[in-house]
Amino acid sequence: MDTPEVLSASARTLHTLPEDEPDLGAMRAWIGTLLRDLPEDVVLDVLLVCTELASNAYEHAEGPRVVRVQRHTDFIRVEVDDHTPAELPQLGRSRLGDTRGRGLALIAQLSRCWGTREFTGGKTLWAEVNA
């Protein structure tokens, strides 16, 4: 991974995720390094949002998968591409006792906005976290 030590404002970088087994720890370490000059609570929110987006890409879609991080003055935008265009995620309800279905609810709570964008052969899930 050839990335800057700290991601400066208006800079954007990407990380290709492994095809078979998710290495979410390596992804989180990469993002932590990029954003290490931000307050810890902001970095932790971005890490959780990115982990949920990437986990969804492994759980519900085909690869290849790519994570992009773009730093703006007042927010961080995280995007995860996958190659399963037909299945757009929807915010569901998690019931007491459910062990699944909370990822998008967490993203919605931690992000100032989030959404999906289709492209030829796939989709992008994205979220913006206030810095």
N, C-alpha and C. Protein backbone atom coordinates (compact mmCIF):
# COMPACT_ATOMS: atom_id res chain seq x y z
N MET A 1 0.83 -1.17 0.00
CA MET A 1 0.00 0.00 0.00
C MET A 1 0.88 1.23 0.00
N ASP A 2 0.77 2.03 -1.00
CA ASP A 2 1.56 3.25 -1.09
C ASP A 2 0.65 4.42 -0.75
N THR A 3 0.61 4.82 0.51
CA THR A 3 -0.27 5.90 0.95
C THR A 3 0.53 6.91 1.77
N PRO A 4 0.03 8.13 1.83
CA PRO A 4 0.72 9.11 2.66
C PRO A 4 0.62 8.73 4.13
N GLU A 5 1.55 9.25 4.93
CA GLU A 5 1.51 8.96 6.37
C GLU A 5 0.24 9.47 7.00
N VAL A 6 -0.15 10.71 6.65
CA VAL A 6 -1.39 11.30 7.14
C VAL A 6 -2.11 11.84 5.92
N LEU A 7 -3.39 11.59 5.82
CA LEU A 7 -4.17 12.04 4.68
C LEU A 7 -4.53 13.50 4.88
N SER A 8 -4.07 14.37 4.00
CA SER A 8 -4.34 15.80 4.13
C SER A 8 -5.73 16.13 3.58
N ALA A 9 -6.21 17.31 3.93
CA ALA A 9 -7.54 17.75 3.48
C ALA A 9 -7.62 17.70 1.96
N SER A 10 -8.74 17.27 1.46
CA SER A 10 -9.04 17.14 0.03
C SER A 10 -8.25 16.02 -0.65
N ALA A 11 -7.54 15.20 0.12
CA ALA A 11 -6.80 14.08 -0.46
C ALA A 11 -7.69 12.83 -0.43
N ARG A 12 -7.46 11.95 -1.38
CA ARG A 12 -8.25 10.72 -1.50
C ARG A 12 -7.29 9.58 -1.78
N THR A 13 -7.53 8.44 -1.14
CA THR A 13 -6.69 7.28 -1.37
C THR A 13 -7.54 6.02 -1.33
N LEU A 14 -7.03 4.93 -1.87
CA LEU A 14 -7.82 3.70 -1.90
C LEU A 14 -7.01 2.50 -1.47
N HIS A 15 -7.74 1.47 -1.07
CA HIS A 15 -7.16 0.22 -0.59
C HIS A 15 -8.00 -0.91 -1.18
N THR A 16 -7.36 -1.81 -1.92
CA THR A 16 -8.07 -2.97 -2.45
C THR A 16 -8.12 -4.04 -1.39
N LEU A 17 -9.33 -4.52 -1.11
CA LEU A 17 -9.52 -5.55 -0.08
C LEU A 17 -9.19 -6.92 -0.64
N PRO A 18 -8.73 -7.84 0.20
CA PRO A 18 -8.44 -9.21 -0.26
C PRO A 18 -9.68 -9.86 -0.85
N GLU A 19 -9.48 -10.73 -1.81
CA GLU A 19 -10.60 -11.35 -2.52
C GLU A 19 -11.38 -12.33 -1.65
N ASP A 20 -10.69 -13.23 -0.97
CA ASP A 20 -11.38 -14.32 -0.29
C ASP A 20 -11.71 -14.02 1.17
N GLU A 21 -10.70 -13.76 1.96
CA GLU A 21 -10.88 -13.54 3.39
C GLU A 21 -10.72 -12.07 3.72
N PRO A 22 -11.68 -11.49 4.41
CA PRO A 22 -11.52 -10.07 4.76
C PRO A 22 -10.40 -9.89 5.78
N ASP A 23 -9.57 -8.89 5.55
CA ASP A 23 -8.55 -8.52 6.52
C ASP A 23 -8.91 -7.13 7.05
N LEU A 24 -9.97 -7.10 7.84
CA LEU A 24 -10.50 -5.83 8.32
C LEU A 24 -9.54 -5.16 9.29
N GLY A 25 -8.73 -5.94 9.99
CA GLY A 25 -7.73 -5.36 10.87
C GLY A 25 -6.70 -4.55 10.10
N ALA A 26 -6.24 -5.06 8.97
CA ALA A 26 -5.28 -4.33 8.14
C ALA A 26 -5.93 -3.06 7.58
N MET A 27 -7.19 -3.15 7.18
CA MET A 27 -7.90 -1.98 6.67
C MET A 27 -8.01 -0.92 7.76
N ARG A 28 -8.38 -1.34 8.98
CA ARG A 28 -8.51 -0.39 10.08
C ARG A 28 -7.16 0.26 10.42
N ALA A 29 -6.09 -0.53 10.39
CA ALA A 29 -4.75 0.02 10.66
C ALA A 29 -4.38 1.06 9.60
N TRP A 30 -4.69 0.77 8.35
CA TRP A 30 -4.41 1.69 7.24
C TRP A 30 -5.17 3.00 7.45
N ILE A 31 -6.45 2.92 7.78
CA ILE A 31 -7.26 4.12 7.99
C ILE A 31 -6.79 4.87 9.23
N GLY A 32 -6.48 4.14 10.29
CA GLY A 32 -5.98 4.78 11.50
C GLY A 32 -4.73 5.60 11.25
N THR A 33 -3.85 5.08 10.41
CA THR A 33 -2.63 5.81 10.06
C THR A 33 -2.96 7.06 9.26
N LEU A 34 -3.87 6.93 8.30
CA LEU A 34 -4.24 8.07 7.47
C LEU A 34 -4.85 9.22 8.27
N LEU A 35 -5.57 8.87 9.33
CA LEU A 35 -6.35 9.87 10.07
C LEU A 35 -5.82 10.12 11.48
N ARG A 36 -4.61 9.72 11.75
CA ARG A 36 -4.12 9.74 13.13
C ARG A 36 -4.00 11.12 13.74
N ASP A 37 -4.05 12.18 12.95
CA ASP A 37 -3.97 13.52 13.51
C ASP A 37 -5.35 14.07 13.91
N LEU A 38 -6.40 13.31 13.67
CA LEU A 38 -7.75 13.72 14.05
C LEU A 38 -8.05 13.29 15.49
N PRO A 39 -9.07 13.88 16.11
CA PRO A 39 -9.46 13.43 17.46
C PRO A 39 -9.83 11.95 17.46
N GLU A 40 -9.52 11.29 18.56
CA GLU A 40 -9.73 9.84 18.65
C GLU A 40 -11.18 9.44 18.40
N ASP A 41 -12.15 10.22 18.90
CA ASP A 41 -13.55 9.85 18.71
C ASP A 41 -13.95 9.89 17.24
N VAL A 42 -13.38 10.82 16.48
CA VAL A 42 -13.66 10.88 15.04
C VAL A 42 -13.07 9.65 14.35
N VAL A 43 -11.83 9.34 14.66
CA VAL A 43 -11.17 8.18 14.04
C VAL A 43 -11.94 6.90 14.37
N LEU A 44 -12.36 6.73 15.61
CA LEU A 44 -13.10 5.53 15.99
C LEU A 44 -14.43 5.43 15.25
N ASP A 45 -15.12 6.55 15.07
CA ASP A 45 -16.37 6.54 14.29
C ASP A 45 -16.11 6.14 12.84
N VAL A 46 -15.07 6.71 12.23
CA VAL A 46 -14.73 6.37 10.85
C VAL A 46 -14.36 4.89 10.75
N LEU A 47 -13.60 4.39 11.70
CA LEU A 47 -13.20 2.97 11.68
C LEU A 47 -14.42 2.06 11.76
N LEU A 48 -15.36 2.38 12.63
CA LEU A 48 -16.55 1.55 12.77
C LEU A 48 -17.40 1.60 11.50
N VAL A 49 -17.59 2.78 10.95
CA VAL A 49 -18.37 2.92 9.72
C VAL A 49 -17.72 2.14 8.58
N CYS A 50 -16.42 2.30 8.43
CA CYS A 50 -15.70 1.61 7.35
C CYS A 50 -15.76 0.09 7.53
N THR A 51 -15.61 -0.37 8.77
CA THR A 51 -15.68 -1.81 9.05
C THR A 51 -17.05 -2.36 8.68
N GLU A 52 -18.10 -1.64 9.03
CA GLU A 52 -19.46 -2.10 8.70
C GLU A 52 -19.69 -2.11 7.19
N LEU A 53 -19.24 -1.07 6.48
CA LEU A 53 -19.40 -1.04 5.03
C LEU A 53 -18.64 -2.18 4.36
N ALA A 54 -17.40 -2.41 4.79
CA ALA A 54 -16.61 -3.48 4.20
C ALA A 54 -17.18 -4.85 4.55
N SER A 55 -17.63 -5.02 5.80
CA SER A 55 -18.23 -6.30 6.20
C SER A 55 -19.46 -6.62 5.34
N ASN A 56 -20.28 -5.60 5.09
CA ASN A 56 -21.45 -5.80 4.23
C ASN A 56 -21.04 -6.23 2.83
N ALA A 57 -19.95 -5.67 2.32
CA ALA A 57 -19.48 -6.03 0.98
C ALA A 57 -19.06 -7.49 0.92
N TYR A 58 -18.47 -8.01 2.01
CA TYR A 58 -18.10 -9.42 2.05
C TYR A 58 -19.31 -10.31 2.28
N GLU A 59 -20.22 -9.88 3.09
CA GLU A 59 -21.38 -10.70 3.44
C GLU A 59 -22.40 -10.81 2.31
N HIS A 60 -22.60 -9.72 1.58
CA HIS A 60 -23.72 -9.65 0.65
C HIS A 60 -23.34 -9.44 -0.81
N ALA A 61 -22.05 -9.41 -1.14
CA ALA A 61 -21.67 -9.07 -2.51
C ALA A 61 -20.42 -9.82 -2.94
N GLU A 62 -20.17 -9.73 -4.22
CA GLU A 62 -18.99 -10.35 -4.83
C GLU A 62 -17.88 -9.31 -4.99
N GLY A 63 -16.65 -9.79 -5.09
CA GLY A 63 -15.50 -8.92 -5.32
C GLY A 63 -15.29 -8.66 -6.78
N PRO A 64 -14.29 -7.89 -7.09
CA PRO A 64 -13.36 -7.27 -6.16
C PRO A 64 -14.01 -6.15 -5.35
N ARG A 65 -13.39 -5.88 -4.20
CA ARG A 65 -13.89 -4.86 -3.28
C ARG A 65 -12.79 -3.83 -3.04
N VAL A 66 -13.18 -2.58 -3.02
CA VAL A 66 -12.22 -1.49 -2.84
C VAL A 66 -12.77 -0.51 -1.81
N VAL A 67 -11.89 -0.03 -0.94
CA VAL A 67 -12.24 1.01 0.04
C VAL A 67 -11.54 2.30 -0.38
N ARG A 68 -12.28 3.39 -0.39
CA ARG A 68 -11.70 4.70 -0.63
C ARG A 68 -11.98 5.59 0.58
N VAL A 69 -11.00 6.40 0.92
CA VAL A 69 -11.15 7.37 2.01
C VAL A 69 -10.79 8.73 1.44
N GLN A 70 -11.69 9.68 1.64
CA GLN A 70 -11.43 11.05 1.19
C GLN A 70 -11.64 11.99 2.37
N ARG A 71 -10.62 12.77 2.62
CA ARG A 71 -10.68 13.71 3.75
C ARG A 71 -11.03 15.11 3.25
N HIS A 72 -12.05 15.67 3.85
CA HIS A 72 -12.43 17.05 3.57
C HIS A 72 -12.17 17.86 4.83
N THR A 73 -12.34 19.14 4.75
CA THR A 73 -12.07 20.00 5.90
C THR A 73 -12.93 19.63 7.10
N ASP A 74 -14.22 19.36 6.87
CA ASP A 74 -15.14 19.13 7.99
C ASP A 74 -15.75 17.73 8.04
N PHE A 75 -15.36 16.84 7.15
CA PHE A 75 -15.86 15.47 7.20
C PHE A 75 -14.92 14.52 6.48
N ILE A 76 -15.10 13.22 6.79
CA ILE A 76 -14.37 12.13 6.13
C ILE A 76 -15.40 11.32 5.35
N ARG A 77 -15.14 11.08 4.07
CA ARG A 77 -16.03 10.26 3.26
C ARG A 77 -15.36 8.91 3.04
N VAL A 78 -16.10 7.85 3.34
CA VAL A 78 -15.63 6.48 3.14
C VAL A 78 -16.53 5.84 2.08
N GLU A 79 -15.93 5.18 1.11
CA GLU A 79 -16.68 4.49 0.05
C GLU A 79 -16.16 3.06 -0.05
N VAL A 80 -17.07 2.12 -0.24
CA VAL A 80 -16.69 0.72 -0.47
C VAL A 80 -17.40 0.25 -1.74
N ASP A 81 -16.62 -0.17 -2.72
CA ASP A 81 -17.16 -0.72 -3.97
C ASP A 81 -17.22 -2.23 -3.87
N ASP A 82 -18.25 -2.81 -4.48
CA ASP A 82 -18.30 -4.25 -4.69
C ASP A 82 -18.84 -4.49 -6.10
N HIS A 83 -18.97 -5.73 -6.48
CA HIS A 83 -19.40 -6.04 -7.84
C HIS A 83 -20.66 -6.89 -7.86
N THR A 84 -21.66 -6.48 -7.09
CA THR A 84 -22.98 -7.09 -7.10
C THR A 84 -23.99 -5.94 -7.18
N PRO A 85 -24.35 -5.54 -8.40
CA PRO A 85 -25.17 -4.35 -8.57
C PRO A 85 -26.63 -4.50 -8.16
N ALA A 86 -27.17 -5.69 -8.22
CA ALA A 86 -28.62 -5.86 -8.05
C ALA A 86 -29.07 -5.73 -6.60
N GLU A 87 -28.20 -5.94 -5.65
CA GLU A 87 -28.59 -5.96 -4.24
C GLU A 87 -28.17 -4.69 -3.53
N LEU A 88 -29.07 -3.70 -3.52
CA LEU A 88 -28.80 -2.48 -2.79
C LEU A 88 -29.24 -2.66 -1.34
N PRO A 89 -28.40 -2.27 -0.40
CA PRO A 89 -28.76 -2.47 1.01
C PRO A 89 -29.88 -1.53 1.43
N GLN A 90 -30.64 -1.98 2.40
CA GLN A 90 -31.71 -1.17 2.96
C GLN A 90 -31.59 -1.18 4.47
N LEU A 91 -31.85 -0.03 5.05
CA LEU A 91 -31.83 0.09 6.49
C LEU A 91 -32.98 -0.73 7.06
N GLY A 92 -32.65 -1.72 7.88
CA GLY A 92 -33.66 -2.59 8.44
C GLY A 92 -33.87 -2.31 9.91
N ARG A 93 -34.64 -3.15 10.51
CA ARG A 93 -34.88 -3.06 11.94
C ARG A 93 -34.23 -4.24 12.63
N SER A 94 -33.60 -3.94 13.72
CA SER A 94 -33.02 -4.99 14.53
C SER A 94 -33.91 -5.17 15.75
N ARG A 95 -34.26 -6.41 16.02
CA ARG A 95 -35.12 -6.70 17.18
C ARG A 95 -34.28 -7.24 18.32
N LEU A 96 -34.79 -7.08 19.51
CA LEU A 96 -34.13 -7.59 20.70
C LEU A 96 -33.81 -9.07 20.48
N GLY A 97 -32.58 -9.43 20.72
CA GLY A 97 -32.17 -10.82 20.55
C GLY A 97 -31.56 -11.11 19.19
N ASP A 98 -31.78 -10.23 18.21
CA ASP A 98 -31.17 -10.44 16.90
C ASP A 98 -29.66 -10.26 17.02
N THR A 99 -28.92 -11.09 16.31
CA THR A 99 -27.47 -10.96 16.32
C THR A 99 -26.97 -10.31 15.04
N ARG A 100 -27.86 -9.99 14.13
CA ARG A 100 -27.47 -9.40 12.85
C ARG A 100 -28.41 -8.24 12.53
N GLY A 101 -28.05 -7.47 11.52
CA GLY A 101 -28.95 -6.44 11.04
C GLY A 101 -28.75 -5.06 11.66
N ARG A 102 -27.64 -4.87 12.35
CA ARG A 102 -27.41 -3.58 13.00
C ARG A 102 -26.42 -2.69 12.25
N GLY A 103 -25.74 -3.22 11.27
CA GLY A 103 -24.67 -2.48 10.59
C GLY A 103 -25.11 -1.17 9.99
N LEU A 104 -26.15 -1.19 9.18
CA LEU A 104 -26.59 0.05 8.55
C LEU A 104 -27.20 1.00 9.57
N ALA A 105 -27.81 0.47 10.62
CA ALA A 105 -28.33 1.34 11.68
C ALA A 105 -27.18 2.07 12.37
N LEU A 106 -26.08 1.37 12.63
CA LEU A 106 -24.89 2.01 13.20
C LEU A 106 -24.34 3.08 12.27
N ILE A 107 -24.25 2.75 10.99
CA ILE A 107 -23.75 3.71 10.00
C ILE A 107 -24.63 4.95 9.98
N ALA A 108 -25.94 4.75 9.99
CA ALA A 108 -26.88 5.88 9.97
C ALA A 108 -26.72 6.77 11.20
N GLN A 109 -26.44 6.17 12.35
CA GLN A 109 -26.28 6.95 13.58
C GLN A 109 -24.94 7.70 13.64
N LEU A 110 -23.89 7.09 13.13
CA LEU A 110 -22.56 7.69 13.23
C LEU A 110 -22.23 8.65 12.10
N SER A 111 -22.97 8.58 11.01
CA SER A 111 -22.67 9.37 9.82
C SER A 111 -23.61 10.56 9.70
N ARG A 112 -23.09 11.59 9.06
CA ARG A 112 -23.97 12.73 8.80
C ARG A 112 -24.90 12.41 7.63
N CYS A 113 -24.47 11.52 6.74
CA CYS A 113 -25.31 11.00 5.66
C CYS A 113 -24.64 9.75 5.10
N TRP A 114 -25.42 8.93 4.42
CA TRP A 114 -24.88 7.72 3.79
C TRP A 114 -25.79 7.35 2.63
N GLY A 115 -25.31 6.49 1.76
CA GLY A 115 -26.14 6.08 0.64
C GLY A 115 -25.45 5.06 -0.24
N THR A 116 -26.06 4.84 -1.40
CA THR A 116 -25.53 3.90 -2.39
C THR A 116 -25.50 4.57 -3.75
N ARG A 117 -24.64 4.07 -4.59
CA ARG A 117 -24.55 4.55 -5.97
C ARG A 117 -24.23 3.34 -6.83
N GLU A 118 -25.00 3.12 -7.86
CA GLU A 118 -24.73 2.01 -8.78
C GLU A 118 -23.75 2.45 -9.85
N PHE A 119 -22.93 1.52 -10.30
CA PHE A 119 -22.08 1.72 -11.47
C PHE A 119 -22.15 0.45 -12.30
N THR A 120 -21.66 0.49 -13.50
CA THR A 120 -21.72 -0.68 -14.37
C THR A 120 -21.02 -1.85 -13.71
N GLY A 121 -21.78 -2.89 -13.41
CA GLY A 121 -21.20 -4.10 -12.81
C GLY A 121 -21.08 -4.08 -11.30
N GLY A 122 -21.58 -3.06 -10.63
CA GLY A 122 -21.43 -3.04 -9.18
C GLY A 122 -22.11 -1.86 -8.52
N LYS A 123 -21.70 -1.62 -7.29
CA LYS A 123 -22.27 -0.50 -6.53
C LYS A 123 -21.23 0.02 -5.54
N THR A 124 -21.50 1.22 -5.07
CA THR A 124 -20.70 1.85 -4.03
C THR A 124 -21.60 2.16 -2.85
N LEU A 125 -21.21 1.75 -1.67
CA LEU A 125 -21.84 2.20 -0.44
C LEU A 125 -20.93 3.26 0.14
N TRP A 126 -21.49 4.36 0.58
CA TRP A 126 -20.67 5.45 1.08
C TRP A 126 -21.29 6.06 2.34
N ALA A 127 -20.46 6.70 3.13
CA ALA A 127 -20.90 7.40 4.32
C ALA A 127 -19.94 8.55 4.60
N GLU A 128 -20.48 9.60 5.20
CA GLU A 128 -19.68 10.75 5.58
C GLU A 128 -19.78 10.95 7.09
N VAL A 129 -18.61 11.04 7.73
CA VAL A 129 -18.53 11.22 9.17
C VAL A 129 -17.97 12.61 9.44
N ASN A 130 -18.63 13.35 10.29
CA ASN A 130 -18.15 14.69 10.65
C ASN A 130 -16.78 14.62 11.29
N ALA A 131 -15.93 15.54 10.88
CA ALA A 131 -14.60 15.64 11.47
C ALA A 131 -14.63 16.74 12.49
